[in-house]
Amino acid sequence: MRKKKYEELELDNGAVIRYRRHDNGGGMVAMRADVDPSARVEETAWVDPGARIAAGARLGAGCWIESGARIETGAYLATAVHVERDAIVGARARLGSRTVVGAGARVRPNVTLRPDSEIPALATVSRRGLEQEHRAA
């Protein structure tokens, strides 16, 4: 059975967001998201409007990247990872399955997180662990 190239999702406020299938993996990418053609977005992953996915990044099945979030070059997100609004996953970071990165949190480059990790909103995680919580200006 052939899959639809586009999907529309109606929000509670009545706004409609249109998603298209990404050529590399078939995941759903909002029309106003910025996803590099070399990024892999698995078929059941979703990327919301305003999110940015850099070159060579990989989003596993069931991932959800919210508006304003950034996934940097070469980052790897295993299955069912949720990156909340305005969070940043650094270059070459590796996030285990079912990890949640809270709104506005930062995962520094080259960090590896185990499956089922939960990063609080506004927190920063380095290779040494939880560094700090930063406040939005």
N, C-alpha and C. Protein backbone atom coordinates (compact mmCIF):
# COMPACT_ATOMS: atom_id res chain seq x y z
N MET A 1 0.83 -1.18 0.00
CA MET A 1 0.00 0.00 0.00
C MET A 1 0.88 1.24 0.00
N ARG A 2 0.54 2.17 -0.83
CA ARG A 2 1.31 3.40 -0.97
C ARG A 2 0.95 4.39 0.14
N LYS A 3 1.96 5.02 0.71
CA LYS A 3 1.75 5.99 1.78
C LYS A 3 1.46 7.37 1.19
N LYS A 4 0.64 8.15 1.92
CA LYS A 4 0.36 9.52 1.49
C LYS A 4 1.63 10.35 1.58
N LYS A 5 1.82 11.24 0.62
CA LYS A 5 3.00 12.11 0.63
C LYS A 5 2.83 13.25 1.64
N TYR A 6 1.59 13.66 1.90
CA TYR A 6 1.32 14.76 2.83
C TYR A 6 0.30 14.34 3.87
N GLU A 7 0.42 14.91 5.06
CA GLU A 7 -0.56 14.74 6.13
C GLU A 7 -0.87 16.12 6.69
N GLU A 8 -2.11 16.31 7.11
CA GLU A 8 -2.49 17.56 7.78
C GLU A 8 -2.96 17.23 9.17
N LEU A 9 -2.53 18.06 10.13
CA LEU A 9 -2.86 17.86 11.52
C LEU A 9 -3.53 19.13 12.03
N GLU A 10 -4.74 19.00 12.58
CA GLU A 10 -5.44 20.15 13.11
C GLU A 10 -5.21 20.24 14.61
N LEU A 11 -4.74 21.40 15.07
CA LEU A 11 -4.49 21.63 16.48
C LEU A 11 -5.78 22.01 17.20
N ASP A 12 -5.74 22.01 18.53
CA ASP A 12 -6.91 22.36 19.33
C ASP A 12 -7.45 23.75 19.01
N ASN A 13 -6.54 24.66 18.62
CA ASN A 13 -6.96 26.03 18.33
C ASN A 13 -7.47 26.20 16.90
N GLY A 14 -7.56 25.12 16.15
CA GLY A 14 -8.08 25.16 14.79
C GLY A 14 -7.02 25.34 13.72
N ALA A 15 -5.79 25.66 14.10
CA ALA A 15 -4.71 25.81 13.12
C ALA A 15 -4.40 24.44 12.50
N VAL A 16 -4.07 24.46 11.23
CA VAL A 16 -3.75 23.23 10.52
C VAL A 16 -2.27 23.27 10.12
N ILE A 17 -1.56 22.22 10.46
CA ILE A 17 -0.15 22.10 10.10
C ILE A 17 -0.03 21.01 9.04
N ARG A 18 0.66 21.33 7.97
CA ARG A 18 0.85 20.37 6.89
C ARG A 18 2.26 19.77 6.99
N TYR A 19 2.32 18.46 6.93
CA TYR A 19 3.58 17.72 6.97
C TYR A 19 3.78 17.00 5.64
N ARG A 20 5.04 16.84 5.26
CA ARG A 20 5.38 16.07 4.06
C ARG A 20 6.37 14.98 4.45
N ARG A 21 6.45 13.96 3.65
CA ARG A 21 7.40 12.88 3.91
C ARG A 21 8.81 13.32 3.49
N HIS A 22 9.77 13.06 4.38
CA HIS A 22 11.17 13.39 4.08
C HIS A 22 11.71 12.34 3.12
N ASP A 23 12.46 12.78 2.11
CA ASP A 23 12.97 11.86 1.10
C ASP A 23 13.91 10.80 1.67
N ASN A 24 14.62 11.12 2.75
CA ASN A 24 15.56 10.19 3.34
C ASN A 24 14.95 9.58 4.61
N GLY A 25 14.17 8.54 4.45
CA GLY A 25 13.59 7.82 5.58
C GLY A 25 12.08 7.84 5.62
N GLY A 26 11.45 8.85 5.04
CA GLY A 26 10.00 8.87 4.95
C GLY A 26 9.27 9.44 6.16
N GLY A 27 10.01 10.01 7.14
CA GLY A 27 9.36 10.61 8.30
C GLY A 27 8.60 11.86 7.92
N MET A 28 7.74 12.33 8.82
CA MET A 28 6.88 13.47 8.57
C MET A 28 7.56 14.76 9.03
N VAL A 29 7.70 15.71 8.12
CA VAL A 29 8.38 16.98 8.37
C VAL A 29 7.42 18.11 8.04
N ALA A 30 7.19 19.00 9.00
CA ALA A 30 6.31 20.14 8.77
C ALA A 30 6.87 21.01 7.64
N MET A 31 5.98 21.62 6.89
CA MET A 31 6.40 22.44 5.76
C MET A 31 7.33 23.58 6.21
N ARG A 32 7.15 24.07 7.42
CA ARG A 32 7.99 25.18 7.90
C ARG A 32 9.15 24.71 8.78
N ALA A 33 9.49 23.45 8.73
CA ALA A 33 10.68 22.94 9.42
C ALA A 33 11.84 22.97 8.43
N ASP A 34 13.06 22.98 8.95
CA ASP A 34 14.26 23.02 8.12
C ASP A 34 15.05 21.73 8.37
N VAL A 35 14.95 20.80 7.44
CA VAL A 35 15.63 19.51 7.58
C VAL A 35 16.58 19.32 6.40
N ASP A 36 17.86 19.13 6.72
CA ASP A 36 18.86 18.92 5.67
C ASP A 36 18.53 17.63 4.90
N PRO A 37 18.72 17.65 3.58
CA PRO A 37 18.41 16.44 2.78
C PRO A 37 19.20 15.21 3.21
N SER A 38 20.40 15.39 3.79
CA SER A 38 21.21 14.23 4.20
C SER A 38 20.81 13.67 5.56
N ALA A 39 19.96 14.37 6.29
CA ALA A 39 19.48 13.86 7.58
C ALA A 39 18.54 12.69 7.32
N ARG A 40 18.56 11.72 8.20
CA ARG A 40 17.66 10.57 8.08
C ARG A 40 16.53 10.74 9.09
N VAL A 41 15.30 10.73 8.60
CA VAL A 41 14.12 10.87 9.44
C VAL A 41 13.27 9.61 9.21
N GLU A 42 13.32 8.69 10.16
CA GLU A 42 12.61 7.42 9.99
C GLU A 42 11.11 7.63 9.82
N GLU A 43 10.48 6.66 9.22
CA GLU A 43 9.10 6.77 8.76
C GLU A 43 8.09 7.25 9.82
N THR A 44 8.23 6.84 11.05
CA THR A 44 7.26 7.24 12.07
C THR A 44 7.73 8.39 12.95
N ALA A 45 8.78 9.09 12.52
CA ALA A 45 9.26 10.28 13.25
C ALA A 45 8.52 11.52 12.74
N TRP A 46 8.38 12.53 13.63
CA TRP A 46 7.70 13.78 13.29
C TRP A 46 8.58 14.96 13.66
N VAL A 47 8.64 15.95 12.76
CA VAL A 47 9.40 17.18 12.97
C VAL A 47 8.43 18.35 12.82
N ASP A 48 8.25 19.12 13.89
CA ASP A 48 7.28 20.22 13.91
C ASP A 48 7.81 21.49 13.25
N PRO A 49 6.92 22.44 12.95
CA PRO A 49 7.32 23.70 12.31
C PRO A 49 8.37 24.43 13.15
N GLY A 50 9.33 25.03 12.47
CA GLY A 50 10.35 25.81 13.15
C GLY A 50 11.51 25.00 13.71
N ALA A 51 11.41 23.68 13.67
CA ALA A 51 12.52 22.83 14.12
C ALA A 51 13.58 22.79 13.01
N ARG A 52 14.84 22.57 13.42
CA ARG A 52 15.94 22.47 12.46
C ARG A 52 16.72 21.19 12.70
N ILE A 53 16.91 20.43 11.62
CA ILE A 53 17.66 19.17 11.68
C ILE A 53 18.85 19.33 10.73
N ALA A 54 20.07 19.23 11.26
CA ALA A 54 21.28 19.48 10.47
C ALA A 54 21.72 18.25 9.67
N ALA A 55 22.72 18.47 8.84
CA ALA A 55 23.27 17.43 7.97
C ALA A 55 23.74 16.22 8.78
N GLY A 56 23.44 15.05 8.26
CA GLY A 56 23.92 13.81 8.85
C GLY A 56 23.25 13.39 10.15
N ALA A 57 22.29 14.16 10.63
CA ALA A 57 21.58 13.75 11.85
C ALA A 57 20.67 12.58 11.52
N ARG A 58 20.35 11.79 12.55
CA ARG A 58 19.47 10.63 12.35
C ARG A 58 18.43 10.60 13.43
N LEU A 59 17.16 10.57 13.01
CA LEU A 59 16.03 10.48 13.93
C LEU A 59 15.41 9.10 13.78
N GLY A 60 15.42 8.33 14.86
CA GLY A 60 14.87 6.98 14.83
C GLY A 60 13.35 6.97 14.79
N ALA A 61 12.81 5.78 14.65
CA ALA A 61 11.36 5.60 14.59
C ALA A 61 10.69 6.16 15.84
N GLY A 62 9.58 6.86 15.65
CA GLY A 62 8.80 7.36 16.77
C GLY A 62 9.33 8.61 17.43
N CYS A 63 10.39 9.21 16.89
CA CYS A 63 10.91 10.46 17.48
C CYS A 63 9.94 11.60 17.21
N TRP A 64 9.95 12.58 18.12
CA TRP A 64 9.13 13.78 17.96
C TRP A 64 10.00 14.97 18.31
N ILE A 65 10.17 15.87 17.34
CA ILE A 65 10.98 17.07 17.52
C ILE A 65 10.02 18.26 17.47
N GLU A 66 9.90 18.98 18.58
CA GLU A 66 8.94 20.07 18.67
C GLU A 66 9.47 21.36 18.05
N SER A 67 8.59 22.34 17.90
CA SER A 67 8.91 23.64 17.30
C SER A 67 10.10 24.30 17.99
N GLY A 68 10.97 24.87 17.18
CA GLY A 68 12.10 25.61 17.71
C GLY A 68 13.27 24.77 18.16
N ALA A 69 13.12 23.46 18.21
CA ALA A 69 14.21 22.58 18.63
C ALA A 69 15.24 22.48 17.50
N ARG A 70 16.50 22.21 17.89
CA ARG A 70 17.57 22.04 16.92
C ARG A 70 18.30 20.74 17.19
N ILE A 71 18.50 19.98 16.12
CA ILE A 71 19.31 18.76 16.18
C ILE A 71 20.51 19.04 15.29
N GLU A 72 21.70 19.06 15.88
CA GLU A 72 22.91 19.48 15.16
C GLU A 72 23.54 18.33 14.36
N THR A 73 24.56 18.68 13.60
CA THR A 73 25.25 17.79 12.66
C THR A 73 25.65 16.46 13.30
N GLY A 74 25.24 15.36 12.65
CA GLY A 74 25.67 14.03 13.06
C GLY A 74 25.06 13.50 14.34
N ALA A 75 24.11 14.20 14.93
CA ALA A 75 23.46 13.69 16.16
C ALA A 75 22.65 12.44 15.82
N TYR A 76 22.57 11.53 16.78
CA TYR A 76 21.82 10.29 16.60
C TYR A 76 20.78 10.19 17.71
N LEU A 77 19.52 10.09 17.32
CA LEU A 77 18.42 9.91 18.27
C LEU A 77 17.82 8.53 18.01
N ALA A 78 17.89 7.65 19.01
CA ALA A 78 17.34 6.30 18.87
C ALA A 78 15.81 6.37 18.81
N THR A 79 15.13 5.29 19.05
CA THR A 79 13.67 5.27 18.89
C THR A 79 12.95 6.02 20.00
N ALA A 80 11.85 6.66 19.62
CA ALA A 80 10.90 7.30 20.54
C ALA A 80 11.52 8.39 21.42
N VAL A 81 12.49 9.11 20.89
CA VAL A 81 13.08 10.24 21.61
C VAL A 81 12.19 11.47 21.40
N HIS A 82 11.96 12.23 22.46
CA HIS A 82 11.12 13.43 22.40
C HIS A 82 11.99 14.63 22.76
N VAL A 83 12.14 15.55 21.81
CA VAL A 83 12.90 16.77 22.04
C VAL A 83 11.88 17.91 22.07
N GLU A 84 11.72 18.51 23.24
CA GLU A 84 10.68 19.52 23.43
C GLU A 84 11.10 20.87 22.85
N ARG A 85 10.15 21.78 22.84
CA ARG A 85 10.28 23.12 22.25
C ARG A 85 11.59 23.81 22.66
N ASP A 86 12.30 24.35 21.64
CA ASP A 86 13.50 25.17 21.81
C ASP A 86 14.69 24.46 22.46
N ALA A 87 14.66 23.15 22.56
CA ALA A 87 15.82 22.40 23.07
C ALA A 87 16.86 22.25 21.96
N ILE A 88 18.11 22.01 22.36
CA ILE A 88 19.20 21.84 21.40
C ILE A 88 19.93 20.54 21.71
N VAL A 89 20.11 19.71 20.69
CA VAL A 89 20.91 18.50 20.80
C VAL A 89 22.17 18.75 19.97
N GLY A 90 23.33 18.76 20.63
CA GLY A 90 24.59 19.13 20.00
C GLY A 90 25.09 18.13 18.98
N ALA A 91 26.06 18.58 18.21
CA ALA A 91 26.66 17.77 17.16
C ALA A 91 27.20 16.45 17.72
N ARG A 92 26.93 15.38 17.02
CA ARG A 92 27.41 14.03 17.33
C ARG A 92 26.95 13.49 18.68
N ALA A 93 25.96 14.13 19.29
CA ALA A 93 25.38 13.58 20.53
C ALA A 93 24.62 12.31 20.18
N ARG A 94 24.51 11.40 21.16
CA ARG A 94 23.79 10.14 20.97
C ARG A 94 22.78 10.00 22.09
N LEU A 95 21.50 9.94 21.73
CA LEU A 95 20.43 9.86 22.72
C LEU A 95 19.77 8.49 22.64
N GLY A 96 19.73 7.78 23.78
CA GLY A 96 19.13 6.46 23.84
C GLY A 96 17.61 6.50 23.69
N SER A 97 17.05 5.36 23.42
CA SER A 97 15.60 5.23 23.21
C SER A 97 14.81 5.79 24.38
N ARG A 98 13.70 6.40 24.05
CA ARG A 98 12.71 6.93 25.01
C ARG A 98 13.25 8.08 25.86
N THR A 99 14.32 8.71 25.43
CA THR A 99 14.86 9.87 26.14
C THR A 99 13.96 11.07 25.91
N VAL A 100 13.80 11.91 26.93
CA VAL A 100 13.05 13.16 26.81
C VAL A 100 13.99 14.31 27.15
N VAL A 101 14.10 15.26 26.23
CA VAL A 101 14.90 16.47 26.44
C VAL A 101 13.90 17.61 26.65
N GLY A 102 13.88 18.17 27.85
CA GLY A 102 12.90 19.18 28.23
C GLY A 102 13.03 20.48 27.44
N ALA A 103 11.99 21.27 27.47
CA ALA A 103 11.93 22.54 26.75
C ALA A 103 13.11 23.43 27.12
N GLY A 104 13.79 23.94 26.11
CA GLY A 104 14.90 24.85 26.32
C GLY A 104 16.17 24.22 26.85
N ALA A 105 16.19 22.91 27.03
CA ALA A 105 17.40 22.23 27.53
C ALA A 105 18.45 22.15 26.43
N ARG A 106 19.69 21.90 26.86
CA ARG A 106 20.80 21.77 25.92
C ARG A 106 21.58 20.51 26.22
N VAL A 107 21.79 19.72 25.19
CA VAL A 107 22.66 18.56 25.27
C VAL A 107 23.90 18.94 24.46
N ARG A 108 25.04 19.04 25.12
CA ARG A 108 26.27 19.49 24.47
C ARG A 108 26.75 18.48 23.43
N PRO A 109 27.63 18.90 22.51
CA PRO A 109 28.18 18.00 21.50
C PRO A 109 28.88 16.79 22.13
N ASN A 110 28.80 15.67 21.44
CA ASN A 110 29.48 14.42 21.80
C ASN A 110 28.99 13.78 23.09
N VAL A 111 27.87 14.21 23.63
CA VAL A 111 27.30 13.60 24.84
C VAL A 111 26.55 12.34 24.45
N THR A 112 26.64 11.31 25.28
CA THR A 112 25.86 10.09 25.10
C THR A 112 24.93 9.94 26.29
N LEU A 113 23.63 9.79 26.01
CA LEU A 113 22.63 9.60 27.06
C LEU A 113 22.06 8.19 26.96
N ARG A 114 21.92 7.53 28.10
CA ARG A 114 21.36 6.18 28.14
C ARG A 114 19.87 6.20 27.80
N PRO A 115 19.33 5.05 27.44
CA PRO A 115 17.87 4.98 27.22
C PRO A 115 17.11 5.43 28.46
N ASP A 116 15.93 5.99 28.23
CA ASP A 116 15.02 6.45 29.29
C ASP A 116 15.55 7.62 30.10
N SER A 117 16.52 8.36 29.57
CA SER A 117 17.02 9.56 30.25
C SER A 117 15.96 10.65 30.20
N GLU A 118 15.91 11.47 31.24
CA GLU A 118 15.01 12.61 31.28
C GLU A 118 15.81 13.85 31.65
N ILE A 119 15.88 14.78 30.72
CA ILE A 119 16.62 16.02 30.92
C ILE A 119 15.60 17.11 31.24
N PRO A 120 15.70 17.76 32.40
CA PRO A 120 14.71 18.76 32.78
C PRO A 120 14.74 19.98 31.85
N ALA A 121 13.64 20.70 31.81
CA ALA A 121 13.57 21.94 31.05
C ALA A 121 14.68 22.87 31.51
N LEU A 122 15.30 23.56 30.55
CA LEU A 122 16.34 24.57 30.78
C LEU A 122 17.65 24.02 31.32
N ALA A 123 17.79 22.72 31.43
CA ALA A 123 19.05 22.13 31.92
C ALA A 123 20.07 22.06 30.79
N THR A 124 21.35 21.95 31.18
CA THR A 124 22.44 21.74 30.23
C THR A 124 23.16 20.47 30.64
N VAL A 125 23.40 19.59 29.68
CA VAL A 125 24.09 18.34 29.94
C VAL A 125 25.39 18.31 29.13
N SER A 126 26.50 18.08 29.83
CA SER A 126 27.79 17.93 29.17
C SER A 126 28.25 16.48 29.35
N ARG A 127 29.44 16.19 28.91
CA ARG A 127 29.97 14.83 29.08
C ARG A 127 30.19 14.49 30.54
N ARG A 128 30.26 15.50 31.41
CA ARG A 128 30.40 15.27 32.86
C ARG A 128 29.06 15.06 33.54
N GLY A 129 27.98 15.27 32.82
CA GLY A 129 26.64 15.12 33.39
C GLY A 129 25.89 16.43 33.40
N LEU A 130 24.89 16.52 34.28
CA LEU A 130 24.06 17.71 34.37
C LEU A 130 24.92 18.86 34.88
N GLU A 131 25.09 19.90 34.07
CA GLU A 131 25.97 21.02 34.43
C GLU A 131 25.24 22.09 35.21
N GLN A 132 24.12 22.52 34.70
CA GLN A 132 23.46 23.68 35.26
C GLN A 132 22.08 23.80 34.66
N GLU A 133 21.32 24.70 35.20
CA GLU A 133 20.09 25.11 34.56
C GLU A 133 20.30 26.56 34.15
N HIS A 134 19.92 26.88 32.93
CA HIS A 134 20.06 28.26 32.48
C HIS A 134 18.67 28.87 32.37
N ARG A 135 18.61 30.13 32.45
CA ARG A 135 17.34 30.84 32.37
C ARG A 135 17.24 31.58 31.05
N ALA A 136 16.09 31.53 30.45
CA ALA A 136 15.86 32.27 29.21
C ALA A 136 15.91 33.76 29.50
N ALA A 137 16.45 34.51 28.56
CA ALA A 137 16.57 35.97 28.76
C ALA A 137 15.25 36.67 28.54
